[in-house]
C-alpha cells in the first residue's frame, strides 16, 4: 500500500523559511519522481515543483522559482520542499504526490 506522510508545515513570518518533508512507503522510491502541489481554499491545486525519480531534473512554477528547492533522499525514501523567502501568497495547504497517491497535506501560513 502506497503511503505518503507529510510534515513540516506551520506558521512563519514573511521572509522566513520552512522545509516540508514527504516520507514515502509501499513502493520503490527510486522508480518514481515526486510532485509538490498547493491549494488555497476551494481553488484548483497548483503544481509547485517536480523532481524526477533520481533527482537529476527539477521544475518550478514561476511563482516560486528561485525561492523553493525540491529534492529527494533516495536513502531515506523522503522528498523535501525547501521554501525560502516566503510570502503571504504562499499560504496554502501543500501536498506531495507520487505513484498516483497524494499525501495528506500540510498547512503553511505566512503572516506577520
Foldseek 3Di string as FASTA:
>chain_A
DKAWAKDWADEDAAQAKIKMKIAIDDDQQLQKKKWKWWDDDPDDIGTAKIAGSNRPDMDGDPVQPPFWDWGADSVRNMIMIIGGRDDQVVFTWMWMDMPNDIYPTDTHGYHD
